[in-house]
C-alpha atoms as a PDB file:
ATOM      1  CA  MET A   1      12.385   5.928 -17.388  1.00  0.00           C
ATOM      2  CA  ALA A   2      15.006   3.306 -16.614  1.00  0.00           C
ATOM      3  CA  ASP A   3      13.746  -0.306 -16.715  1.00  0.00           C
ATOM      4  CA  LYS A   4      15.255  -3.568 -15.506  1.00  0.00           C
ATOM      5  CA  HIS A   5      17.579  -3.659 -18.523  1.00  0.00           C
ATOM      6  CA  THR A   6      18.994  -0.196 -17.901  1.00  0.00           C
ATOM      7  CA  PRO A   7      22.637  -0.219 -16.707  1.00  0.00           C
ATOM      8  CA  ASP A   8      23.046   0.634 -13.028  1.00  0.00           C
ATOM      9  CA  HIS A   9      25.179   3.690 -13.744  1.00  0.00           C
ATOM     10  CA  THR A  10      22.385   5.096 -15.948  1.00  0.00           C
ATOM     11  CA  ARG A  11      19.858   4.633 -13.161  1.00  0.00           C
ATOM     12  CA  VAL A  12      22.146   6.547 -10.804  1.00  0.00           C
ATOM     13  CA  GLN A  13      22.507   9.374 -13.314  1.00  0.00           C
ATOM     14  CA  VAL A  14      18.731   9.595 -13.750  1.00  0.00           C
ATOM     15  CA  THR A  15      17.878   9.549 -10.060  1.00  0.00           C
ATOM     16  CA  GLN A  16      20.576  12.105  -9.243  1.00  0.00           C
ATOM     17  CA  ASN A  17      19.457  14.464 -12.005  1.00  0.00           C
ATOM     18  CA  PRO A  18      18.104  17.594 -10.257  1.00  0.00           C
ATOM     19  CA  ASN A  19      15.513  18.231 -12.993  1.00  0.00           C
ATOM     20  CA  PHE A  20      14.230  14.672 -12.756  1.00  0.00           C
ATOM     21  CA  MET A  21      13.932  14.855  -8.983  1.00  0.00           C
ATOM     22  CA  LEU A  22      12.172  18.222  -9.158  1.00  0.00           C
ATOM     23  CA  SER A  23       9.675  16.935 -11.724  1.00  0.00           C
ATOM     24  CA  LEU A  24       9.007  13.840  -9.633  1.00  0.00           C
ATOM     25  CA  ALA A  25       8.479  15.913  -6.485  1.00  0.00           C
ATOM     26  CA  ARG A  26       6.106  18.265  -8.301  1.00  0.00           C
ATOM     27  CA  GLY A  27       4.137  15.353  -9.746  1.00  0.00           C
ATOM     28  CA  LEU A  28       3.664  13.866  -6.287  1.00  0.00           C
ATOM     29  CA  GLU A  29       2.609  17.254  -4.895  1.00  0.00           C
ATOM     30  CA  VAL A  30      -0.026  17.552  -7.613  1.00  0.00           C
ATOM     31  CA  LEU A  31      -1.365  14.053  -6.907  1.00  0.00           C
ATOM     32  CA  ASN A  32      -1.486  14.758  -3.176  1.00  0.00           C
ATOM     33  CA  ALA A  33      -3.548  17.903  -3.764  1.00  0.00           C
ATOM     34  CA  PHE A  34      -6.599  15.798  -4.635  1.00  0.00           C
ATOM     35  CA  THR A  35      -8.684  14.822  -1.598  1.00  0.00           C
ATOM     36  CA  PRO A  36     -12.056  13.134  -1.034  1.00  0.00           C
ATOM     37  CA  GLN A  37     -13.506  16.604  -0.485  1.00  0.00           C
ATOM     38  CA  ARG A  38     -11.833  18.067  -3.609  1.00  0.00           C
ATOM     39  CA  GLN A  39     -11.879  15.309  -6.206  1.00  0.00           C
ATOM     40  CA  ARG A  40     -11.859  17.655  -9.189  1.00  0.00           C
ATOM     41  CA  LEU A  41      -9.452  20.607  -9.436  1.00  0.00           C
ATOM     42  CA  THR A  42      -8.452  23.148 -12.066  1.00  0.00           C
ATOM     43  CA  ILE A  43      -4.882  24.112 -12.913  1.00  0.00           C
ATOM     44  CA  SER A  44      -5.342  27.371 -10.988  1.00  0.00           C
ATOM     45  CA  GLN A  45      -6.630  25.534  -7.910  1.00  0.00           C
ATOM     46  CA  LEU A  46      -3.784  23.016  -8.066  1.00  0.00           C
ATOM     47  CA  SER A  47      -1.267  25.824  -8.412  1.00  0.00           C
ATOM     48  CA  GLN A  48      -2.736  27.574  -5.372  1.00  0.00           C
ATOM     49  CA  LYS A  49      -2.791  24.403  -3.241  1.00  0.00           C
ATOM     50  CA  THR A  50       0.717  23.245  -4.147  1.00  0.00           C
ATOM     51  CA  GLN A  51       2.391  26.671  -4.531  1.00  0.00           C
ATOM     52  CA  ILE A  52       3.712  25.443  -7.894  1.00  0.00           C
ATOM     53  CA  SER A  53       3.469  27.723 -10.925  1.00  0.00           C
ATOM     54  CA  ARG A  54       0.595  27.158 -13.340  1.00  0.00           C
ATOM     55  CA  ALA A  55       2.994  26.340 -16.149  1.00  0.00           C
ATOM     56  CA  ALA A  56       4.720  23.656 -14.045  1.00  0.00           C
ATOM     57  CA  VAL A  57       1.357  22.243 -12.917  1.00  0.00           C
ATOM     58  CA  ARG A  58       0.245  22.070 -16.536  1.00  0.00           C
ATOM     59  CA  ARG A  59       3.385  20.117 -17.460  1.00  0.00           C
ATOM     60  CA  CYS A  60       2.853  17.736 -14.533  1.00  0.00           C
ATOM     61  CA  LEU A  61      -0.738  17.119 -15.578  1.00  0.00           C
ATOM     62  CA  TYR A  62       0.316  16.472 -19.156  1.00  0.00           C
ATOM     63  CA  THR A  63       2.736  13.781 -17.954  1.00  0.00           C
ATOM     64  CA  LEU A  64       0.267  12.299 -15.450  1.00  0.00           C
ATOM     65  CA  ALA A  65      -2.425  12.164 -18.136  1.00  0.00           C
ATOM     66  CA  ALA A  66      -0.030  10.383 -20.498  1.00  0.00           C
ATOM     67  CA  LEU A  67       0.596   7.836 -17.717  1.00  0.00           C
ATOM     68  CA  GLY A  68      -3.141   7.293 -17.280  1.00  0.00           C
ATOM     69  CA  MET A  69      -3.278   8.735 -13.767  1.00  0.00           C
ATOM     70  CA  VAL A  70      -5.435  11.826 -14.346  1.00  0.00           C
ATOM     71  CA  HIS A  71      -7.884  13.046 -16.950  1.00  0.00           C
ATOM     72  CA  SER A  72      -9.908  16.148 -17.688  1.00  0.00           C
ATOM     73  CA  PRO A  73     -13.576  15.289 -18.316  1.00  0.00           C
ATOM     74  CA  ASP A  74     -14.535  18.864 -19.205  1.00  0.00           C
ATOM     75  CA  GLY A  75     -11.252  20.192 -20.608  1.00  0.00           C
ATOM     76  CA  ARG A  76     -10.876  22.530 -17.649  1.00  0.00           C
ATOM     77  CA  SER A  77     -10.663  20.546 -14.419  1.00  0.00           C
ATOM     78  CA  TYR A  78      -8.816  17.337 -13.611  1.00  0.00           C
ATOM     79  CA  GLU A  79      -9.551  14.262 -11.526  1.00  0.00           C
ATOM     80  CA  LEU A  80      -7.640  11.129 -10.592  1.00  0.00           C
ATOM     81  CA  LEU A  81      -7.995   7.841 -12.424  1.00  0.00           C
ATOM     82  CA  PRO A  82      -7.882   4.386 -10.751  1.00  0.00           C
ATOM     83  CA  ARG A  83      -4.382   3.747 -12.062  1.00  0.00           C
ATOM     84  CA  VAL A  84      -3.012   6.220  -9.512  1.00  0.00           C
ATOM     85  CA  LEU A  85      -3.704   3.567  -6.860  1.00  0.00           C
ATOM     86  CA  ALA A  86      -0.743   1.623  -8.200  1.00  0.00           C
ATOM     87  CA  VAL A  87       1.556   4.284  -6.727  1.00  0.00           C
ATOM     88  CA  GLY A  88       0.762   3.266  -3.169  1.00  0.00           C
ATOM     89  CA  HIS A  89      -0.619  -0.252  -3.582  1.00  0.00           C
ATOM     90  CA  ALA A  90       2.687  -2.008  -3.023  1.00  0.00           C
ATOM     91  CA  TYR A  91       3.259  -0.100   0.208  1.00  0.00           C
ATOM     92  CA  LEU A  92      -0.252  -0.554   1.540  1.00  0.00           C
ATOM     93  CA  ALA A  93      -0.368  -4.242   0.667  1.00  0.00           C
ATOM     94  CA  GLY A  94       3.157  -5.155   1.641  1.00  0.00           C
ATOM     95  CA  THR A  95       4.244  -3.090   4.635  1.00  0.00           C
ATOM     96  CA  PRO A  96       4.365  -5.119   7.867  1.00  0.00           C
ATOM     97  CA  LEU A  97       2.566  -2.319   9.709  1.00  0.00           C
ATOM     98  CA  ALA A  98      -0.433  -2.448   7.374  1.00  0.00           C
ATOM     99  CA  LYS A  99      -0.614  -6.237   7.560  1.00  0.00           C
ATOM    100  CA  VAL A 100      -0.512  -6.543  11.340  1.00  0.00           C
ATOM    101  CA  ALA A 101      -2.745  -3.485  11.789  1.00  0.00           C
ATOM    102  CA  GLN A 102      -5.441  -5.033   9.616  1.00  0.00           C
ATOM    103  CA  HIS A 103      -5.429  -8.206  11.700  1.00  0.00           C
ATOM    104  CA  ALA A 104      -5.636  -6.195  14.941  1.00  0.00           C
ATOM    105  CA  LEU A 105      -8.464  -3.997  13.615  1.00  0.00           C
ATOM    106  CA  ASP A 106     -10.473  -7.008  12.478  1.00  0.00           C
ATOM    107  CA  GLY A 107     -10.376  -8.375  16.030  1.00  0.00           C
ATOM    108  CA  LEU A 108     -11.095  -5.007  17.648  1.00  0.00           C
ATOM    109  CA  SER A 109     -13.998  -4.290  15.306  1.00  0.00           C
ATOM    110  CA  LYS A 110     -15.505  -7.697  16.017  1.00  0.00           C
ATOM    111  CA  HIS A 111     -15.181  -7.091  19.771  1.00  0.00           C
ATOM    112  CA  LEU A 112     -16.667  -3.579  19.744  1.00  0.00           C
ATOM    113  CA  HIS A 113     -19.083  -4.065  16.797  1.00  0.00           C
ATOM    114  CA  GLN A 114     -17.875  -0.733  15.431  1.00  0.00           C
ATOM    115  CA  SER A 115     -15.686   0.485  12.566  1.00  0.00           C
ATOM    116  CA  CYS A 116     -11.956   0.699  13.340  1.00  0.00           C
ATOM    117  CA  SER A 117      -9.106   2.244  11.364  1.00  0.00           C
ATOM    118  CA  ALA A 118      -5.358   2.791  11.348  1.00  0.00           C
ATOM    119  CA  ALA A 119      -3.594   5.719   9.708  1.00  0.00           C
ATOM    120  CA  THR A 120      -0.215   7.382   9.381  1.00  0.00           C
ATOM    121  CA  LEU A 121       0.612  11.043   8.830  1.00  0.00           C
ATOM    122  CA  ASP A 122       1.065  11.934   5.159  1.00  0.00           C
ATOM    123  CA  GLY A 123       2.018  15.582   4.948  1.00  0.00           C
ATOM    124  CA  ASP A 124      -0.978  17.532   6.228  1.00  0.00           C
ATOM    125  CA  ASN A 125      -3.323  14.554   5.865  1.00  0.00           C
ATOM    126  CA  ILE A 126      -3.816  11.155   7.408  1.00  0.00           C
ATOM    127  CA  LEU A 127      -3.369   8.134   5.154  1.00  0.00           C
ATOM    128  CA  TYR A 128      -5.528   5.119   5.946  1.00  0.00           C
ATOM    129  CA  ILE A 129      -3.391   1.970   5.945  1.00  0.00           C
ATOM    130  CA  ALA A 130      -5.974  -0.457   7.356  1.00  0.00           C
ATOM    131  CA  ARG A 131      -9.690  -0.412   8.080  1.00  0.00           C
ATOM    132  CA  ALA A 132     -12.375  -2.756   9.368  1.00  0.00           C
ATOM    133  CA  ALA A 133     -15.713  -1.139   8.505  1.00  0.00           C
ATOM    134  CA  VAL A 134     -19.063  -1.928  10.082  1.00  0.00           C
ATOM    135  CA  ASN A 135     -20.893   1.161   8.849  1.00  0.00           C
ATOM    136  CA  ASN A 136     -19.514   3.883   6.617  1.00  0.00           C
ATOM    137  CA  LEU A 137     -20.295   7.025   8.607  1.00  0.00           C
ATOM    138  CA  LEU A 138     -18.620   9.396   6.163  1.00  0.00           C
ATOM    139  CA  SER A 139     -20.116  10.897   3.027  1.00  0.00           C
ATOM    140  CA  VAL A 140     -17.150   9.536   1.050  1.00  0.00           C
ATOM    141  CA  ASP A 141     -16.008   5.933   0.888  1.00  0.00           C
ATOM    142  CA  ILE A 142     -13.039   5.335   3.172  1.00  0.00           C
ATOM    143  CA  GLY A 143     -10.592   2.490   2.747  1.00  0.00           C
ATOM    144  CA  ARG A 144      -6.893   1.781   2.395  1.00  0.00           C
ATOM    145  CA  GLY A 145      -5.216   4.693   0.671  1.00  0.00           C
ATOM    146  CA  SER A 146      -7.904   7.248   1.596  1.00  0.00           C
ATOM    147  CA  ARG A 147      -6.725  10.583   2.927  1.00  0.00           C
ATOM    148  CA  LEU A 148      -8.429  13.112   5.192  1.00  0.00           C
ATOM    149  CA  PRO A 149      -7.206  16.405   6.707  1.00  0.00           C
ATOM    150  CA  ALA A 150      -5.258  15.622   9.863  1.00  0.00           C
ATOM    151  CA  TRP A 151      -6.426  18.652  11.878  1.00  0.00           C
ATOM    152  CA  ALA A 152     -10.113  17.635  11.619  1.00  0.00           C
ATOM    153  CA  THR A 153      -9.837  13.952  12.569  1.00  0.00           C
ATOM    154  CA  SER A 154      -9.176  12.074  15.792  1.00  0.00           C
ATOM    155  CA  MET A 155      -6.284  10.087  14.325  1.00  0.00           C
ATOM    156  CA  GLY A 156      -4.836  13.218  12.773  1.00  0.00           C
ATOM    157  CA  ARG A 157      -4.873  15.107  16.052  1.00  0.00           C
ATOM    158  CA  VAL A 158      -3.115  12.198  17.762  1.00  0.00           C
ATOM    159  CA  LEU A 159      -0.434  12.207  15.067  1.00  0.00           C
ATOM    160  CA  LEU A 160      -0.089  15.992  15.105  1.00  0.00           C
ATOM    161  CA  SER A 161       0.317  15.916  18.887  1.00  0.00           C
ATOM    162  CA  ALA A 162       3.485  13.844  18.447  1.00  0.00           C
ATOM    163  CA  LEU A 163       5.166  16.475  16.249  1.00  0.00           C
ATOM    164  CA  PRO A 164       7.740  18.908  17.616  1.00  0.00           C
ATOM    165  CA  GLN A 165       6.062  22.244  18.319  1.00  0.00           C
ATOM    166  CA  GLU A 166       7.737  23.984  15.376  1.00  0.00           C
ATOM    167  CA  GLN A 167       6.488  21.345  12.916  1.00  0.00           C
ATOM    168  CA  LEU A 168       3.030  21.473  14.456  1.00  0.00           C
ATOM    169  CA  GLU A 169       2.848  25.243  13.998  1.00  0.00           C
ATOM    170  CA  LEU A 170       3.827  24.886  10.345  1.00  0.00           C
ATOM    171  CA  ALA A 171       1.179  22.210   9.830  1.00  0.00           C
ATOM    172  CA  LEU A 172      -1.522  24.387  11.399  1.00  0.00           C
ATOM    173  CA  THR A 173      -0.443  27.375   9.329  1.00  0.00           C
ATOM    174  CA  ARG A 174      -0.676  25.349   6.096  1.00  0.00           C
ATOM    175  CA  ALA A 175      -4.045  23.757   6.902  1.00  0.00           C
ATOM    176  CA  SER A 176      -7.146  24.819   4.999  1.00  0.00           C
ATOM    177  CA  LEU A 177      -9.486  25.220   7.958  1.00  0.00           C
ATOM    178  CA  VAL A 178     -12.895  24.334   6.554  1.00  0.00           C
ATOM    179  CA  ARG A 179     -15.995  24.272   8.750  1.00  0.00           C
ATOM    180  CA  TYR A 180     -17.267  20.821   7.757  1.00  0.00           C
ATOM    181  CA  THR A 181     -20.065  20.877  10.347  1.00  0.00           C
ATOM    182  CA  PRO A 182     -21.406  23.443  12.836  1.00  0.00           C
ATOM    183  CA  HIS A 183     -19.273  21.687  15.464  1.00  0.00           C
ATOM    184  CA  THR A 184     -15.948  21.757  13.588  1.00  0.00           C
ATOM    185  CA  LEU A 185     -13.104  23.310  15.543  1.00  0.00           C
ATOM    186  CA  CYS A 186     -11.390  25.306  12.832  1.00  0.00           C
ATOM    187  CA  ASP A 187      -9.417  28.130  14.406  1.00  0.00           C
ATOM    188  CA  ILE A 188      -5.696  27.824  15.058  1.00  0.00           C
ATOM    189  CA  PRO A 189      -5.710  28.823  18.758  1.00  0.00           C
ATOM    190  CA  GLY A 190      -8.488  26.339  19.472  1.00  0.00           C
ATOM    191  CA  LEU A 191      -6.751  23.573  17.555  1.00  0.00           C
ATOM    192  CA  ARG A 192      -3.471  24.334  19.289  1.00  0.00           C
ATOM    193  CA  ASP A 193      -5.183  23.956  22.684  1.00  0.00           C
ATOM    194  CA  GLU A 194      -6.986  20.778  21.624  1.00  0.00           C
ATOM    195  CA  ILE A 195      -3.803  19.146  20.312  1.00  0.00           C
ATOM    196  CA  ALA A 196      -2.005  20.065  23.541  1.00  0.00           C
ATOM    197  CA  ARG A 197      -4.841  18.362  25.437  1.00  0.00           C
ATOM    198  CA  VAL A 198      -4.499  15.278  23.220  1.00  0.00           C
ATOM    199  CA  ARG A 199      -0.758  15.181  23.889  1.00  0.00           C
ATOM    200  CA  MET A 200      -1.344  15.345  27.640  1.00  0.00           C
ATOM    201  CA  GLN A 201      -4.153  12.778  27.879  1.00  0.00           C
ATOM    202  CA  GLY A 202      -2.873  10.345  25.256  1.00  0.00           C
ATOM    203  CA  TYR A 203      -6.044  10.105  23.159  1.00  0.00           C
ATOM    204  CA  ALA A 204      -8.275  12.247  20.944  1.00  0.00           C
ATOM    205  CA  LEU A 205     -12.056  12.514  20.794  1.00  0.00           C
ATOM    206  CA  ALA A 206     -13.491  14.084  17.644  1.00  0.00           C
ATOM    207  CA  ASP A 207     -17.221  14.627  17.965  1.00  0.00           C
ATOM    208  CA  ARG A 208     -18.971  15.573  14.693  1.00  0.00           C
ATOM    209  CA  GLN A 209     -15.842  17.342  13.464  1.00  0.00           C
ATOM    210  CA  ILE A 210     -15.743  16.195   9.854  1.00  0.00           C
ATOM    211  CA  GLU A 211     -19.207  14.601   9.559  1.00  0.00           C
ATOM    212  CA  LEU A 212     -22.363  15.249  11.579  1.00  0.00           C
ATOM    213  CA  GLY A 213     -22.928  11.521  11.930  1.00  0.00           C
ATOM    214  CA  LEU A 214     -19.476  10.593  13.225  1.00  0.00           C
ATOM    215  CA  CYS A 215     -17.893  10.526  16.666  1.00  0.00           C
ATOM    216  CA  SER A 216     -14.440   8.961  16.855  1.00  0.00           C
ATOM    217  CA  LEU A 217     -11.807   8.100  19.428  1.00  0.00           C
ATOM    218  CA  ALA A 218      -8.119   7.607  18.581  1.00  0.00           C
ATOM    219  CA  VAL A 219      -4.928   6.563  20.366  1.00  0.00           C
ATOM    220  CA  PRO A 220      -1.281   6.530  19.252  1.00  0.00           C
ATOM    221  CA  LEU A 221       0.515   3.428  18.042  1.00  0.00           C
ATOM    222  CA  LEU A 222       4.102   3.363  19.260  1.00  0.00           C
ATOM    223  CA  SER A 223       7.169   1.680  17.848  1.00  0.00           C
ATOM    224  CA  ARG A 224       9.297  -0.406  20.200  1.00  0.00           C
ATOM    225  CA  GLY A 225      11.485   2.669  20.542  1.00  0.00           C
ATOM    226  CA  GLY A 226       8.539   4.685  21.848  1.00  0.00           C
ATOM    227  CA  GLN A 227       7.981   6.799  18.717  1.00  0.00           C
ATOM    228  CA  VAL A 228       4.453   7.484  17.444  1.00  0.00           C
ATOM    229  CA  ILE A 229       4.282   5.798  14.040  1.00  0.00           C
ATOM    230  CA  ALA A 230       0.515   5.599  13.469  1.00  0.00           C
ATOM    231  CA  ALA A 231      -2.857   6.025  15.140  1.00  0.00           C
ATOM    232  CA  LEU A 232      -5.789   3.677  15.719  1.00  0.00           C
ATOM    233  CA  ASN A 233      -9.386   4.777  16.044  1.00  0.00           C
ATOM    234  CA  VAL A 234     -12.942   3.629  16.619  1.00  0.00           C
ATOM    235  CA  GLY A 235     -15.802   5.468  14.932  1.00  0.00           C
ATOM    236  CA  VAL A 236     -19.443   5.326  16.008  1.00  0.00           C
ATOM    237  CA  PRO A 237     -22.673   7.015  14.900  1.00  0.00           C
ATOM    238  CA  ALA A 238     -22.878  10.278  16.817  1.00  0.00           C
ATOM    239  CA  THR A 239     -26.581   9.703  17.413  1.00  0.00           C
ATOM    240  CA  SER A 240     -26.019   6.351  19.113  1.00  0.00           C
ATOM    241  CA  MET A 241     -23.245   7.187  21.572  1.00  0.00           C
ATOM    242  CA  THR A 242     -21.963  10.278  23.342  1.00  0.00           C
ATOM    243  CA  PRO A 243     -18.235  11.070  23.393  1.00  0.00           C
ATOM    244  CA  ASP A 244     -18.058  10.129  27.070  1.00  0.00           C
ATOM    245  CA  ALA A 245     -19.817   6.818  26.421  1.00  0.00           C
ATOM    246  CA  LEU A 246     -17.451   6.101  23.536  1.00  0.00           C
ATOM    247  CA  LYS A 247     -14.483   6.805  25.775  1.00  0.00           C
ATOM    248  CA  ASP A 248     -15.833   4.536  28.532  1.00  0.00           C
ATOM    249  CA  THR A 249     -16.579   1.756  26.075  1.00  0.00           C
ATOM    250  CA  ALA A 250     -13.665   1.850  23.673  1.00  0.00           C
ATOM    251  CA  LEU A 251     -10.619   3.566  25.200  1.00  0.00           C
ATOM    252  CA  ALA A 252      -9.331   0.568  27.147  1.00  0.00           C
ATOM    253  CA  PRO A 253      -9.791  -1.955  24.278  1.00  0.00           C
ATOM    254  CA  LEU A 254      -8.273   0.529  21.830  1.00  0.00           C
ATOM    255  CA  ARG A 255      -5.217   1.087  24.006  1.00  0.00           C
ATOM    256  CA  TYR A 256      -4.818  -2.649  24.550  1.00  0.00           C
ATOM    257  CA  ALA A 257      -4.972  -3.266  20.779  1.00  0.00           C
ATOM    258  CA  ALA A 258      -2.346  -0.544  20.217  1.00  0.00           C
ATOM    259  CA  MET A 259      -0.082  -2.084  22.867  1.00  0.00           C
ATOM    260  CA  GLU A 260      -0.439  -5.581  21.406  1.00  0.00           C
ATOM    261  CA  LEU A 261       0.229  -4.251  17.932  1.00  0.00           C
ATOM    262  CA  SER A 262       3.330  -2.362  19.088  1.00  0.00           C
ATOM    263  CA  LEU A 263       4.809  -5.610  20.389  1.00  0.00           C
ATOM    264  CA  GLN A 264       4.473  -7.156  16.930  1.00  0.00           C
ATOM    265  CA  LEU A 265       6.410  -4.430  15.134  1.00  0.00           C
END
């Protein structure tokens, strides 16, 4: 790989090399296949999730292992190593959106005494860019850089509702619709109707969709040009507050925080 001493023309040749770009894209696809719910995957499973051939997946894993980003504890399946965090750390730590969102969430969380998060759409998942946690209501630890399936989360449904209909249909077709709880809405017609409702009302309520103990409310975060660039949410224990009570308590403060944050971007 070109370093700081590599001539500029060599860097251009490398980055414009079709084989290099294809390998890079495949490597990123393989990394993105790992989720909090599927932290360990075999070559066959990775091939199925990414639609990349097994041979190409094997080559990607060989390179990623050499870079210290994945390893195979049993010789059959693979899992991510902490070094993979370096891929997104600079973005998550340095982007203006993440910085101002964290400040806004800290204030909102202190006001509501509940956990608050911000996320952007990352393929078919949401990517957490900021979080102020009071209680972790999920079975996996959530923080900056965590990813969850967009279709099953309040922030994800807000972000999906901003997509053109054709892109939304593709996203729903690609989604692995897992019934995380008895309450999970995991059929395409139902999700299509729910996302249309979110688009119309301007917020999403997800009651026990991905965890039995979690009820969350999300609103869009707009750029100054009016484009949806992220989503903000508040999560509460499902046993302590009904969806209607969460809406009555948190919707206005959440929308105000999103408006204030938009003005800072």
